[in-house]
N, C-alpha and C. Protein backbone atom coordinates (compact mmCIF):
# COMPACT_ATOMS: atom_id res chain seq x y z
N SER A 1 -76.84 -20.28 10.48
CA SER A 1 -77.23 -20.39 9.08
C SER A 1 -76.19 -21.21 8.33
N GLY A 2 -76.54 -21.63 7.14
CA GLY A 2 -75.62 -22.42 6.31
C GLY A 2 -74.51 -21.56 5.76
N GLY A 3 -73.43 -22.20 5.36
CA GLY A 3 -72.32 -21.47 4.77
C GLY A 3 -72.72 -20.92 3.42
N GLY A 4 -72.01 -19.94 2.95
CA GLY A 4 -72.32 -19.39 1.66
C GLY A 4 -71.71 -18.03 1.48
N VAL A 5 -72.23 -17.33 0.48
CA VAL A 5 -71.71 -16.02 0.13
C VAL A 5 -72.75 -14.98 0.48
N ASP A 6 -72.33 -13.95 1.20
CA ASP A 6 -73.20 -12.83 1.54
C ASP A 6 -72.60 -11.58 0.95
N ARG A 7 -73.45 -10.63 0.65
CA ARG A 7 -72.96 -9.37 0.11
C ARG A 7 -72.71 -8.34 1.19
N GLU A 8 -73.29 -8.56 2.35
CA GLU A 8 -73.12 -7.60 3.42
C GLU A 8 -73.40 -8.27 4.75
N ILE A 9 -72.56 -8.02 5.74
CA ILE A 9 -72.82 -8.43 7.11
C ILE A 9 -72.60 -7.21 7.98
N ASP A 10 -73.58 -6.91 8.82
CA ASP A 10 -73.48 -5.81 9.76
C ASP A 10 -73.56 -6.38 11.17
N SER A 11 -72.55 -6.11 11.99
CA SER A 11 -72.59 -6.48 13.39
C SER A 11 -72.92 -5.20 14.16
N ASP A 12 -74.18 -5.08 14.55
CA ASP A 12 -74.64 -3.89 15.26
C ASP A 12 -75.64 -4.34 16.32
N LYS A 13 -75.13 -5.03 17.32
CA LYS A 13 -75.96 -5.57 18.38
C LYS A 13 -75.59 -4.89 19.69
N THR A 14 -76.56 -4.52 20.48
CA THR A 14 -76.25 -3.90 21.77
C THR A 14 -75.85 -4.96 22.78
N THR A 15 -76.32 -6.20 22.63
CA THR A 15 -75.90 -7.30 23.48
C THR A 15 -75.81 -8.56 22.64
N GLY A 16 -75.07 -9.53 23.15
CA GLY A 16 -74.99 -10.81 22.46
C GLY A 16 -73.93 -10.84 21.39
N THR A 17 -73.84 -12.00 20.74
CA THR A 17 -72.81 -12.26 19.75
C THR A 17 -73.44 -12.97 18.56
N ILE A 18 -73.01 -12.63 17.36
CA ILE A 18 -73.40 -13.37 16.16
C ILE A 18 -72.51 -14.61 16.12
N ILE A 19 -73.11 -15.80 15.96
CA ILE A 19 -72.36 -17.04 15.92
C ILE A 19 -72.50 -17.68 14.55
N LEU A 20 -71.35 -18.02 13.92
CA LEU A 20 -71.36 -18.66 12.61
C LEU A 20 -71.45 -20.17 12.79
N ASN A 21 -72.33 -20.81 12.03
CA ASN A 21 -72.44 -22.26 12.06
C ASN A 21 -71.66 -22.91 10.93
N ASN A 22 -71.19 -22.12 9.98
CA ASN A 22 -70.38 -22.58 8.85
C ASN A 22 -69.47 -21.44 8.43
N ASN A 23 -68.54 -21.71 7.51
CA ASN A 23 -67.75 -20.63 6.93
C ASN A 23 -68.70 -19.67 6.22
N VAL A 24 -68.44 -18.39 6.36
CA VAL A 24 -69.25 -17.36 5.70
C VAL A 24 -68.31 -16.45 4.94
N THR A 25 -68.65 -16.18 3.68
CA THR A 25 -67.85 -15.30 2.83
C THR A 25 -68.63 -14.03 2.54
N VAL A 26 -68.00 -12.88 2.77
CA VAL A 26 -68.54 -11.59 2.36
C VAL A 26 -67.68 -11.15 1.20
N GLN A 27 -68.26 -11.13 0.00
CA GLN A 27 -67.43 -10.81 -1.15
C GLN A 27 -68.12 -9.88 -2.10
N GLU A 28 -67.28 -9.12 -2.78
CA GLU A 28 -67.73 -8.29 -3.87
C GLU A 28 -67.11 -8.83 -5.13
N GLY A 29 -67.28 -8.15 -6.21
CA GLY A 29 -66.63 -8.58 -7.43
C GLY A 29 -67.47 -9.50 -8.27
N PHE A 30 -68.78 -9.56 -8.01
CA PHE A 30 -69.66 -10.36 -8.86
C PHE A 30 -69.64 -9.78 -10.26
N ALA A 31 -69.46 -8.48 -10.33
CA ALA A 31 -69.26 -7.79 -11.61
C ALA A 31 -68.38 -6.59 -11.30
N ALA A 32 -67.51 -6.25 -12.23
CA ALA A 32 -66.57 -5.15 -11.98
C ALA A 32 -67.30 -3.86 -11.65
N SER A 33 -68.49 -3.68 -12.17
CA SER A 33 -69.23 -2.44 -11.93
C SER A 33 -69.74 -2.35 -10.50
N ASN A 34 -69.75 -3.44 -9.76
CA ASN A 34 -70.25 -3.43 -8.38
C ASN A 34 -69.17 -3.09 -7.36
N ALA A 35 -67.95 -2.87 -7.81
CA ALA A 35 -66.80 -2.83 -6.90
C ALA A 35 -66.92 -1.85 -5.75
N ASP A 36 -67.41 -0.67 -5.94
CA ASP A 36 -67.42 0.31 -4.86
C ASP A 36 -68.80 0.92 -4.64
N ASN A 37 -69.83 0.14 -4.66
CA ASN A 37 -71.17 0.71 -4.54
C ASN A 37 -71.72 0.65 -3.12
N GLY A 38 -70.88 0.30 -2.13
CA GLY A 38 -71.34 0.28 -0.76
C GLY A 38 -71.89 -1.07 -0.34
N LEU A 39 -72.05 -1.98 -1.27
CA LEU A 39 -72.45 -3.34 -0.91
C LEU A 39 -71.20 -4.17 -0.69
N PHE A 40 -71.38 -5.41 -0.30
CA PHE A 40 -70.28 -6.34 -0.11
C PHE A 40 -69.35 -5.89 1.00
N ASP A 41 -69.91 -5.40 2.08
CA ASP A 41 -69.15 -4.86 3.20
C ASP A 41 -69.27 -5.76 4.42
N LEU A 42 -68.22 -5.75 5.23
CA LEU A 42 -68.28 -6.29 6.58
C LEU A 42 -68.21 -5.07 7.49
N THR A 43 -69.31 -4.78 8.17
CA THR A 43 -69.39 -3.61 9.03
C THR A 43 -69.45 -4.06 10.48
N LEU A 44 -68.46 -3.66 11.26
CA LEU A 44 -68.37 -4.01 12.67
C LEU A 44 -68.64 -2.76 13.49
N THR A 45 -69.86 -2.66 13.98
CA THR A 45 -70.26 -1.47 14.74
C THR A 45 -70.34 -1.76 16.23
N SER A 46 -71.09 -2.82 16.59
CA SER A 46 -71.30 -3.15 17.99
C SER A 46 -71.62 -4.63 18.10
N GLY A 47 -71.00 -5.31 19.04
CA GLY A 47 -71.21 -6.75 19.19
C GLY A 47 -70.18 -7.53 18.40
N ASN A 48 -69.87 -8.72 18.86
CA ASN A 48 -68.83 -9.53 18.23
C ASN A 48 -69.41 -10.58 17.30
N ILE A 49 -68.57 -11.09 16.42
CA ILE A 49 -68.92 -12.22 15.56
C ILE A 49 -68.03 -13.38 16.01
N ASN A 50 -68.67 -14.46 16.46
CA ASN A 50 -67.94 -15.65 16.90
C ASN A 50 -67.90 -16.63 15.74
N ALA A 51 -66.72 -16.88 15.19
CA ALA A 51 -66.60 -17.79 14.05
C ALA A 51 -66.89 -19.23 14.45
N ASN A 52 -66.85 -19.54 15.75
CA ASN A 52 -67.32 -20.82 16.25
C ASN A 52 -66.60 -22.00 15.58
N GLY A 53 -65.29 -21.88 15.40
CA GLY A 53 -64.53 -22.93 14.74
C GLY A 53 -64.55 -22.85 13.22
N ASN A 54 -65.27 -21.89 12.67
CA ASN A 54 -65.35 -21.68 11.23
C ASN A 54 -64.50 -20.47 10.85
N THR A 55 -64.63 -20.00 9.62
CA THR A 55 -63.85 -18.86 9.15
C THR A 55 -64.77 -17.81 8.56
N LEU A 56 -64.59 -16.56 8.97
CA LEU A 56 -65.27 -15.43 8.34
C LEU A 56 -64.33 -14.92 7.27
N ILE A 57 -64.80 -14.90 6.02
CA ILE A 57 -63.96 -14.57 4.87
C ILE A 57 -64.46 -13.26 4.25
N LEU A 58 -63.55 -12.33 4.04
CA LEU A 58 -63.88 -11.05 3.40
C LEU A 58 -63.13 -10.95 2.09
N GLY A 59 -63.86 -10.84 0.99
CA GLY A 59 -63.27 -10.66 -0.32
C GLY A 59 -63.14 -11.96 -1.09
N SER A 60 -62.79 -11.81 -2.37
CA SER A 60 -62.67 -12.99 -3.22
C SER A 60 -61.54 -12.89 -4.24
N SER A 61 -61.07 -11.68 -4.52
CA SER A 61 -60.06 -11.51 -5.55
C SER A 61 -59.53 -10.09 -5.54
N ALA A 62 -58.57 -9.81 -6.40
CA ALA A 62 -58.05 -8.45 -6.52
C ALA A 62 -59.15 -7.50 -6.97
N TRP A 63 -60.10 -8.00 -7.76
CA TRP A 63 -61.22 -7.17 -8.22
C TRP A 63 -62.26 -6.99 -7.13
N GLY A 64 -62.28 -7.88 -6.16
CA GLY A 64 -63.28 -7.81 -5.10
C GLY A 64 -62.70 -8.14 -3.75
N PRO A 65 -61.84 -7.23 -3.21
CA PRO A 65 -61.21 -7.53 -1.93
C PRO A 65 -62.14 -7.39 -0.73
N GLY A 66 -63.34 -6.85 -0.93
CA GLY A 66 -64.24 -6.61 0.19
C GLY A 66 -63.83 -5.36 0.94
N THR A 67 -64.75 -4.83 1.71
CA THR A 67 -64.50 -3.61 2.47
C THR A 67 -64.81 -3.86 3.94
N LEU A 68 -63.87 -3.50 4.80
CA LEU A 68 -64.05 -3.60 6.24
C LEU A 68 -64.39 -2.22 6.77
N ASN A 69 -65.50 -2.13 7.48
CA ASN A 69 -65.93 -0.87 8.09
C ASN A 69 -66.09 -1.06 9.59
N PRO A 70 -65.61 -0.12 10.39
CA PRO A 70 -64.81 1.03 10.00
C PRO A 70 -63.43 0.60 9.53
N ALA A 71 -62.74 1.50 8.85
CA ALA A 71 -61.43 1.18 8.29
C ALA A 71 -60.44 0.78 9.38
N ILE A 72 -60.55 1.39 10.54
CA ILE A 72 -59.76 0.98 11.70
C ILE A 72 -60.77 0.56 12.77
N PRO A 73 -60.99 -0.76 12.90
CA PRO A 73 -62.00 -1.25 13.84
C PRO A 73 -61.66 -0.92 15.29
N THR A 74 -62.64 -1.11 16.17
CA THR A 74 -62.47 -0.82 17.59
C THR A 74 -62.89 -2.03 18.42
N SER A 75 -62.69 -1.93 19.72
CA SER A 75 -63.06 -3.01 20.63
C SER A 75 -64.57 -3.16 20.77
N ALA A 76 -65.34 -2.26 20.18
CA ALA A 76 -66.80 -2.37 20.25
C ALA A 76 -67.34 -3.55 19.44
N SER A 77 -66.58 -3.99 18.43
CA SER A 77 -67.03 -5.09 17.59
C SER A 77 -65.84 -5.72 16.89
N TYR A 78 -65.69 -7.03 17.05
CA TYR A 78 -64.57 -7.73 16.44
C TYR A 78 -64.92 -9.20 16.25
N ILE A 79 -63.96 -9.96 15.72
CA ILE A 79 -64.19 -11.35 15.37
C ILE A 79 -63.47 -12.26 16.37
N ILE A 80 -64.21 -13.22 16.89
CA ILE A 80 -63.63 -14.24 17.76
C ILE A 80 -63.43 -15.47 16.87
N GLY A 81 -62.18 -15.77 16.55
CA GLY A 81 -61.90 -16.90 15.67
C GLY A 81 -61.15 -16.47 14.43
N LYS A 82 -61.26 -17.28 13.37
CA LYS A 82 -60.49 -17.05 12.15
C LYS A 82 -61.14 -15.99 11.27
N PHE A 83 -60.30 -15.03 10.85
CA PHE A 83 -60.73 -14.00 9.90
C PHE A 83 -59.79 -14.06 8.71
N GLN A 84 -60.34 -14.37 7.56
CA GLN A 84 -59.59 -14.47 6.32
C GLN A 84 -59.99 -13.32 5.42
N ARG A 85 -58.99 -12.61 4.93
CA ARG A 85 -59.31 -11.51 4.01
C ARG A 85 -58.32 -11.45 2.86
N TRP A 86 -58.79 -10.87 1.76
CA TRP A 86 -57.98 -10.71 0.57
C TRP A 86 -57.08 -9.50 0.77
N VAL A 87 -55.76 -9.67 0.63
CA VAL A 87 -54.82 -8.55 0.72
C VAL A 87 -54.22 -8.36 -0.66
N ASN A 88 -54.36 -7.15 -1.19
CA ASN A 88 -53.96 -6.94 -2.59
C ASN A 88 -53.21 -5.65 -2.85
N ALA A 89 -52.70 -5.02 -1.80
CA ALA A 89 -51.96 -3.77 -2.02
C ALA A 89 -50.77 -3.71 -1.07
N THR A 90 -49.63 -3.30 -1.60
CA THR A 90 -48.45 -3.14 -0.78
C THR A 90 -48.53 -1.82 -0.02
N GLY A 91 -47.84 -1.77 1.12
CA GLY A 91 -47.80 -0.54 1.90
C GLY A 91 -49.12 -0.19 2.55
N THR A 92 -50.05 -1.12 2.62
CA THR A 92 -51.37 -0.90 3.21
C THR A 92 -51.44 -1.60 4.56
N ASN A 93 -52.04 -0.92 5.54
CA ASN A 93 -52.27 -1.55 6.84
C ASN A 93 -53.55 -2.37 6.77
N TRP A 94 -53.40 -3.67 6.62
CA TRP A 94 -54.54 -4.58 6.54
C TRP A 94 -54.95 -4.95 7.97
N GLN A 95 -56.16 -4.54 8.34
CA GLN A 95 -56.66 -4.72 9.69
C GLN A 95 -57.29 -6.11 9.86
N PHE A 96 -56.96 -6.75 10.97
CA PHE A 96 -57.55 -8.03 11.35
C PHE A 96 -58.10 -7.87 12.77
N PRO A 97 -59.37 -7.45 12.89
CA PRO A 97 -59.97 -7.19 14.21
C PRO A 97 -60.39 -8.49 14.89
N VAL A 98 -59.45 -9.11 15.59
CA VAL A 98 -59.71 -10.39 16.23
C VAL A 98 -59.49 -10.28 17.73
N GLY A 99 -59.93 -11.30 18.45
CA GLY A 99 -59.73 -11.34 19.89
C GLY A 99 -60.44 -12.53 20.50
N THR A 100 -60.59 -12.47 21.82
CA THR A 100 -61.32 -13.51 22.56
C THR A 100 -62.64 -12.91 23.02
N ALA A 101 -63.43 -13.70 23.71
CA ALA A 101 -64.70 -13.17 24.24
C ALA A 101 -64.45 -12.07 25.26
N THR A 102 -63.26 -12.06 25.86
CA THR A 102 -62.93 -11.09 26.90
C THR A 102 -62.11 -9.91 26.41
N TYR A 103 -61.18 -10.15 25.46
CA TYR A 103 -60.24 -9.11 25.06
C TYR A 103 -60.19 -8.93 23.54
N TYR A 104 -60.12 -7.66 23.13
CA TYR A 104 -59.88 -7.30 21.74
C TYR A 104 -58.37 -7.31 21.52
N ARG A 105 -57.90 -8.18 20.61
CA ARG A 105 -56.46 -8.30 20.36
C ARG A 105 -56.20 -8.25 18.85
N PRO A 106 -56.32 -7.06 18.27
CA PRO A 106 -56.21 -6.93 16.82
C PRO A 106 -54.78 -7.11 16.31
N ALA A 107 -54.71 -7.41 15.03
CA ALA A 107 -53.42 -7.51 14.33
C ALA A 107 -53.51 -6.65 13.08
N VAL A 108 -52.39 -6.05 12.71
CA VAL A 108 -52.29 -5.26 11.49
C VAL A 108 -51.13 -5.83 10.69
N PHE A 109 -51.36 -6.10 9.41
CA PHE A 109 -50.35 -6.67 8.52
C PHE A 109 -50.04 -5.65 7.43
N ASN A 110 -48.75 -5.44 7.16
CA ASN A 110 -48.33 -4.52 6.11
C ASN A 110 -47.09 -5.10 5.44
N ALA A 111 -47.11 -5.15 4.10
CA ALA A 111 -45.98 -5.71 3.36
C ALA A 111 -45.55 -4.77 2.24
N PRO A 112 -44.26 -4.42 2.17
CA PRO A 112 -43.78 -3.59 1.07
C PRO A 112 -43.73 -4.35 -0.26
N ALA A 113 -43.66 -5.68 -0.20
CA ALA A 113 -43.71 -6.52 -1.40
C ALA A 113 -44.67 -7.66 -1.10
N LEU A 114 -45.55 -7.95 -2.05
CA LEU A 114 -46.64 -8.87 -1.74
C LEU A 114 -47.13 -9.59 -2.99
N THR A 115 -47.36 -10.88 -2.87
CA THR A 115 -48.14 -11.62 -3.86
C THR A 115 -49.56 -11.62 -3.33
N THR A 116 -50.49 -11.02 -4.06
CA THR A 116 -51.85 -10.86 -3.54
C THR A 116 -52.51 -12.21 -3.33
N GLY A 117 -53.39 -12.24 -2.36
CA GLY A 117 -54.12 -13.45 -2.04
C GLY A 117 -54.74 -13.33 -0.66
N PHE A 118 -55.16 -14.47 -0.12
CA PHE A 118 -55.80 -14.50 1.19
C PHE A 118 -54.78 -14.65 2.31
N LEU A 119 -55.06 -13.98 3.44
CA LEU A 119 -54.31 -14.14 4.67
C LEU A 119 -55.33 -14.40 5.77
N ILE A 120 -55.03 -15.34 6.64
CA ILE A 120 -55.91 -15.69 7.75
C ILE A 120 -55.21 -15.31 9.05
N VAL A 121 -55.96 -14.64 9.93
CA VAL A 121 -55.43 -14.31 11.26
C VAL A 121 -56.45 -14.74 12.30
N GLU A 122 -55.94 -15.34 13.35
CA GLU A 122 -56.77 -15.75 14.48
C GLU A 122 -55.98 -15.51 15.75
N PHE A 123 -56.66 -15.02 16.79
CA PHE A 123 -56.02 -14.98 18.10
C PHE A 123 -56.52 -16.19 18.87
N THR A 124 -55.56 -16.97 19.38
CA THR A 124 -55.89 -18.16 20.16
C THR A 124 -55.57 -17.87 21.61
N GLY A 125 -56.55 -17.96 22.47
CA GLY A 125 -56.41 -17.60 23.87
C GLY A 125 -55.92 -18.72 24.76
N THR A 126 -54.94 -19.50 24.29
CA THR A 126 -54.32 -20.53 25.10
C THR A 126 -52.80 -20.33 25.06
N PRO A 127 -52.09 -20.79 26.09
CA PRO A 127 -50.64 -20.60 26.09
C PRO A 127 -49.98 -21.32 24.92
N PRO A 128 -49.04 -20.66 24.23
CA PRO A 128 -48.36 -21.31 23.10
C PRO A 128 -47.29 -22.30 23.53
N GLY A 129 -46.90 -22.27 24.79
CA GLY A 129 -45.85 -23.16 25.27
C GLY A 129 -44.47 -22.57 25.06
N ASN A 130 -43.48 -23.25 25.57
CA ASN A 130 -42.10 -22.75 25.51
C ASN A 130 -41.18 -23.65 24.70
N THR A 131 -41.73 -24.50 23.85
CA THR A 131 -40.92 -25.38 23.02
C THR A 131 -39.96 -24.55 22.17
N GLY A 132 -38.69 -24.94 22.16
CA GLY A 132 -37.68 -24.22 21.39
C GLY A 132 -37.00 -23.11 22.15
N LEU A 133 -37.45 -22.82 23.36
CA LEU A 133 -36.83 -21.78 24.17
C LEU A 133 -35.88 -22.44 25.16
N PRO A 134 -34.86 -21.76 25.62
CA PRO A 134 -34.57 -20.35 25.43
C PRO A 134 -33.90 -20.07 24.08
N LEU A 135 -34.04 -18.83 23.65
CA LEU A 135 -33.38 -18.32 22.45
C LEU A 135 -32.58 -17.08 22.84
N ILE A 136 -31.49 -16.86 22.16
CA ILE A 136 -30.70 -15.64 22.37
C ILE A 136 -31.01 -14.69 21.22
N ASP A 137 -31.41 -13.46 21.55
CA ASP A 137 -31.65 -12.43 20.53
C ASP A 137 -30.31 -11.78 20.24
N VAL A 138 -29.74 -12.10 19.08
CA VAL A 138 -28.41 -11.58 18.72
C VAL A 138 -28.42 -10.09 18.44
N THR A 139 -29.60 -9.53 18.16
CA THR A 139 -29.68 -8.09 17.91
C THR A 139 -29.67 -7.30 19.20
N ALA A 140 -29.86 -7.96 20.33
CA ALA A 140 -29.91 -7.25 21.61
C ALA A 140 -28.81 -7.73 22.55
N ALA A 141 -27.69 -8.12 22.01
CA ALA A 141 -26.50 -8.55 22.77
C ALA A 141 -26.80 -9.72 23.70
N THR A 142 -27.30 -9.48 24.88
CA THR A 142 -27.44 -10.55 25.86
C THR A 142 -28.88 -10.88 26.23
N LEU A 143 -29.83 -10.50 25.43
CA LEU A 143 -31.23 -10.77 25.77
C LEU A 143 -31.56 -12.24 25.49
N THR A 144 -31.97 -12.95 26.52
CA THR A 144 -32.36 -14.36 26.38
C THR A 144 -33.88 -14.44 26.49
N LEU A 145 -34.50 -15.03 25.47
CA LEU A 145 -35.95 -15.22 25.46
C LEU A 145 -36.25 -16.57 26.11
N GLN A 146 -37.00 -16.54 27.23
CA GLN A 146 -37.20 -17.76 28.00
C GLN A 146 -38.66 -18.18 28.10
N ASN A 147 -39.58 -17.26 27.94
CA ASN A 147 -40.99 -17.56 28.19
C ASN A 147 -41.88 -17.02 27.09
N THR A 148 -43.07 -17.56 27.02
CA THR A 148 -44.11 -17.00 26.16
C THR A 148 -45.26 -16.56 27.06
N PHE A 149 -46.02 -15.60 26.60
CA PHE A 149 -47.15 -15.13 27.38
C PHE A 149 -48.23 -16.22 27.45
N ASN A 150 -48.77 -16.43 28.63
CA ASN A 150 -49.82 -17.44 28.84
C ASN A 150 -51.16 -17.01 28.26
N GLU A 151 -51.31 -15.73 27.95
CA GLU A 151 -52.62 -15.22 27.51
C GLU A 151 -52.98 -15.66 26.09
N GLY A 152 -52.02 -16.16 25.32
CA GLY A 152 -52.34 -16.64 23.98
C GLY A 152 -51.38 -16.13 22.93
N TYR A 153 -51.79 -16.32 21.67
CA TYR A 153 -50.93 -15.95 20.55
C TYR A 153 -51.77 -15.71 19.29
N TRP A 154 -51.16 -14.99 18.35
CA TRP A 154 -51.77 -14.75 17.04
C TRP A 154 -51.25 -15.81 16.08
N ASN A 155 -52.14 -16.37 15.31
CA ASN A 155 -51.75 -17.35 14.30
C ASN A 155 -52.03 -16.74 12.93
N PHE A 156 -50.97 -16.54 12.15
CA PHE A 156 -51.07 -16.07 10.77
C PHE A 156 -50.90 -17.28 9.87
N SER A 157 -51.80 -17.48 8.92
CA SER A 157 -51.69 -18.59 7.99
C SER A 157 -52.29 -18.18 6.66
N VAL A 158 -52.15 -19.06 5.68
CA VAL A 158 -52.75 -18.83 4.36
C VAL A 158 -53.49 -20.09 3.94
N PRO A 159 -54.55 -19.94 3.17
CA PRO A 159 -55.26 -21.12 2.68
C PRO A 159 -54.51 -21.75 1.51
N VAL A 160 -54.90 -22.94 1.15
CA VAL A 160 -54.27 -23.64 0.02
C VAL A 160 -54.58 -22.91 -1.29
N THR A 161 -55.80 -22.43 -1.43
CA THR A 161 -56.21 -21.73 -2.65
C THR A 161 -56.02 -20.23 -2.49
N ASN A 162 -55.34 -19.61 -3.43
CA ASN A 162 -55.10 -18.16 -3.46
C ASN A 162 -54.40 -17.63 -2.21
N PRO A 163 -53.25 -18.19 -1.84
CA PRO A 163 -52.56 -17.69 -0.66
C PRO A 163 -51.79 -16.41 -0.95
N ALA A 164 -51.81 -15.48 0.00
CA ALA A 164 -50.94 -14.31 -0.08
C ALA A 164 -49.53 -14.76 0.27
N ALA A 165 -48.53 -14.03 -0.21
CA ALA A 165 -47.14 -14.38 0.10
C ALA A 165 -46.29 -13.12 0.18
N SER A 166 -45.37 -13.12 1.15
CA SER A 166 -44.43 -12.02 1.30
C SER A 166 -43.27 -12.49 2.15
N THR A 167 -42.06 -12.09 1.79
CA THR A 167 -40.90 -12.41 2.62
C THR A 167 -40.46 -11.21 3.44
N ASP A 168 -41.12 -10.08 3.26
CA ASP A 168 -40.79 -8.86 3.98
C ASP A 168 -42.10 -8.22 4.41
N PHE A 169 -42.38 -8.27 5.71
CA PHE A 169 -43.65 -7.73 6.20
C PHE A 169 -43.48 -7.23 7.62
N ASN A 170 -44.45 -6.43 8.04
CA ASN A 170 -44.52 -5.92 9.41
C ASN A 170 -45.86 -6.30 9.99
N VAL A 171 -45.87 -6.59 11.29
CA VAL A 171 -47.13 -6.82 12.00
C VAL A 171 -47.16 -5.95 13.23
N ASP A 172 -48.30 -5.40 13.51
CA ASP A 172 -48.55 -4.69 14.76
C ASP A 172 -49.59 -5.51 15.51
N LEU A 173 -49.27 -5.87 16.74
CA LEU A 173 -50.14 -6.71 17.56
C LEU A 173 -50.47 -5.97 18.84
N THR A 174 -51.73 -6.01 19.26
CA THR A 174 -52.15 -5.35 20.48
C THR A 174 -52.48 -6.41 21.52
N GLY A 175 -51.63 -6.51 22.54
CA GLY A 175 -51.79 -7.53 23.57
C GLY A 175 -52.53 -7.03 24.78
N THR A 176 -53.71 -6.51 24.60
CA THR A 176 -54.53 -6.03 25.71
C THR A 176 -54.74 -7.16 26.71
N GLY A 177 -54.46 -6.88 27.97
CA GLY A 177 -54.67 -7.88 29.01
C GLY A 177 -53.54 -8.88 29.17
N PHE A 178 -52.43 -8.69 28.49
CA PHE A 178 -51.27 -9.57 28.66
C PHE A 178 -50.58 -9.18 29.97
N THR A 179 -50.65 -10.04 30.97
CA THR A 179 -50.12 -9.69 32.29
C THR A 179 -49.19 -10.76 32.88
N SER A 180 -48.99 -11.89 32.20
CA SER A 180 -48.20 -12.96 32.80
C SER A 180 -46.73 -12.60 32.98
N PHE A 181 -46.23 -11.62 32.21
CA PHE A 181 -44.86 -11.13 32.36
C PHE A 181 -44.88 -9.63 32.15
N PRO A 182 -43.99 -8.91 32.83
CA PRO A 182 -43.96 -7.45 32.62
C PRO A 182 -43.34 -7.10 31.27
N ILE A 183 -43.89 -6.08 30.65
CA ILE A 183 -43.27 -5.49 29.47
C ILE A 183 -42.74 -4.15 29.93
N LEU A 184 -41.45 -4.05 29.99
CA LEU A 184 -40.83 -2.84 30.54
C LEU A 184 -40.81 -1.74 29.50
N SER A 185 -41.23 -0.55 29.90
CA SER A 185 -41.27 0.56 28.96
C SER A 185 -39.89 1.12 28.66
N THR A 186 -38.90 0.82 29.49
CA THR A 186 -37.57 1.37 29.29
C THR A 186 -36.71 0.55 28.34
N GLU A 187 -37.18 -0.62 27.93
CA GLU A 187 -36.40 -1.45 27.02
C GLU A 187 -37.35 -2.32 26.21
N ASP A 188 -36.83 -2.89 25.17
CA ASP A 188 -37.62 -3.83 24.37
C ASP A 188 -37.54 -5.19 25.03
N SER A 189 -38.50 -5.49 25.90
CA SER A 189 -38.42 -6.71 26.68
C SER A 189 -39.28 -7.84 26.13
N ALA A 190 -40.02 -7.60 25.08
CA ALA A 190 -40.86 -8.64 24.49
C ALA A 190 -40.52 -8.76 23.01
N ARG A 191 -40.70 -9.94 22.44
CA ARG A 191 -40.41 -10.21 21.04
C ARG A 191 -41.57 -10.99 20.42
N VAL A 192 -41.72 -10.87 19.13
CA VAL A 192 -42.66 -11.68 18.38
C VAL A 192 -41.85 -12.82 17.76
N LEU A 193 -42.27 -14.04 18.04
CA LEU A 193 -41.59 -15.22 17.52
C LEU A 193 -42.45 -15.83 16.41
N ARG A 194 -41.78 -16.36 15.40
CA ARG A 194 -42.55 -17.05 14.36
C ARG A 194 -41.95 -18.40 14.08
């Protein structure tokens, strides 16, 4: 379908994938009175949404950030490609249910200080390469970072219009299916590089 604004998207397919042919925005906030009436939702129940090189956008402003259902998504339904959402509250775990056609690899963003706006997250299932390595982790005495996982990487970015901003944030990343290097449970053997 053509790009545009939708008030609700439900992914509830027993088989197959919804494929976007253009950017699609799910937004609320057409009027302040519509803010919490159950419309303007992105509901991920079953089946994936393939952004197909486009962007799935949730929300439009602080008045209409959009609602992601369920609040903590699962591997039963997620987004393959770019997911852009409005983040407007500090100390909130903002869910980005992304992954590949094979693996659910979600990201969670949380910032104690934040300029509200849009944040885009995408999981790219290609090796990021080793440019700039090796690095020495000074917080771990002698730990030398030499490799990146071949399974892919998360890309966090902001759009030109209404970008979110924070200099202090936390991310939780789930690397389901990451097997190119061992992650030892007895030590912190993996790092997130930016």
